[in-house]
């Protein structure tokens, strides 16, 4: 097989623009497509593997991530190409560098974004408040952040052994109600961030027209509306963190 793969950071639309990880797989052939079965394995063994079939055109690439197939990549997860006997032909495992406590050159162990001091927002010289461009509103240090799936109870899903064979057992039932709430919160967060961006765009347009924004009622109304959206966004993000941490 002529396949190349790597992991990349990207802004997930389904997560409201938050940083996430995707796996990009490329077919390096120039004249013929690659057709194969594949599986994604949870590194902790809690989730059943995600299995599917893929036809990848020659000299093309495909992204596999939370936005495309609802798989939230975490440290230790593996993408594996399978043959007809479910044997692993090729595989790639997410292995991000992790800093020891206090070693991060950016946050020195605080885990907070240094640009916004963990607030997720920044204030410009003219007192304009906007979403932090580094952490995208999460307040988390982007230098040392590594997505890790929390282990709940026993690990009873399917994992890879040291010799790249499959080890499986019964897996626990997933809490579908909680997942639906998480998905709904992601959508609400995405919608709010879009509204905030629209408010910021309107403010910039008014400033470019040389209006006296400090005395302009429409401008002040926009500013108050954006602050309202920001407060709602903080509340939703806090609720999301509590749900995802359960």
Foldseek 3Di string as FASTA:
>chain_A
DQKDKDKDWFQDLLQQRFIAIKMKMFRAADPAWDKFKKWKADQQQQDAIDIDIDIHGHGDMDIGDCNPPNDGDAAFMKIFTADPVRAGDDMDGHHDDADDAQPQPQPRRPQFDPQPQLQQWDADPVRQIDGDPQRRRRRGHPRHDGGHQDDDPHNAAWDADPVRDIDHGDHDDDPVVLVVVLSVLSNVSNVLNVLLVVLVVVLVVCVVVVDPLVPDPVNVVSRVVSVVSVVVNVVSSVVNVVSSVD
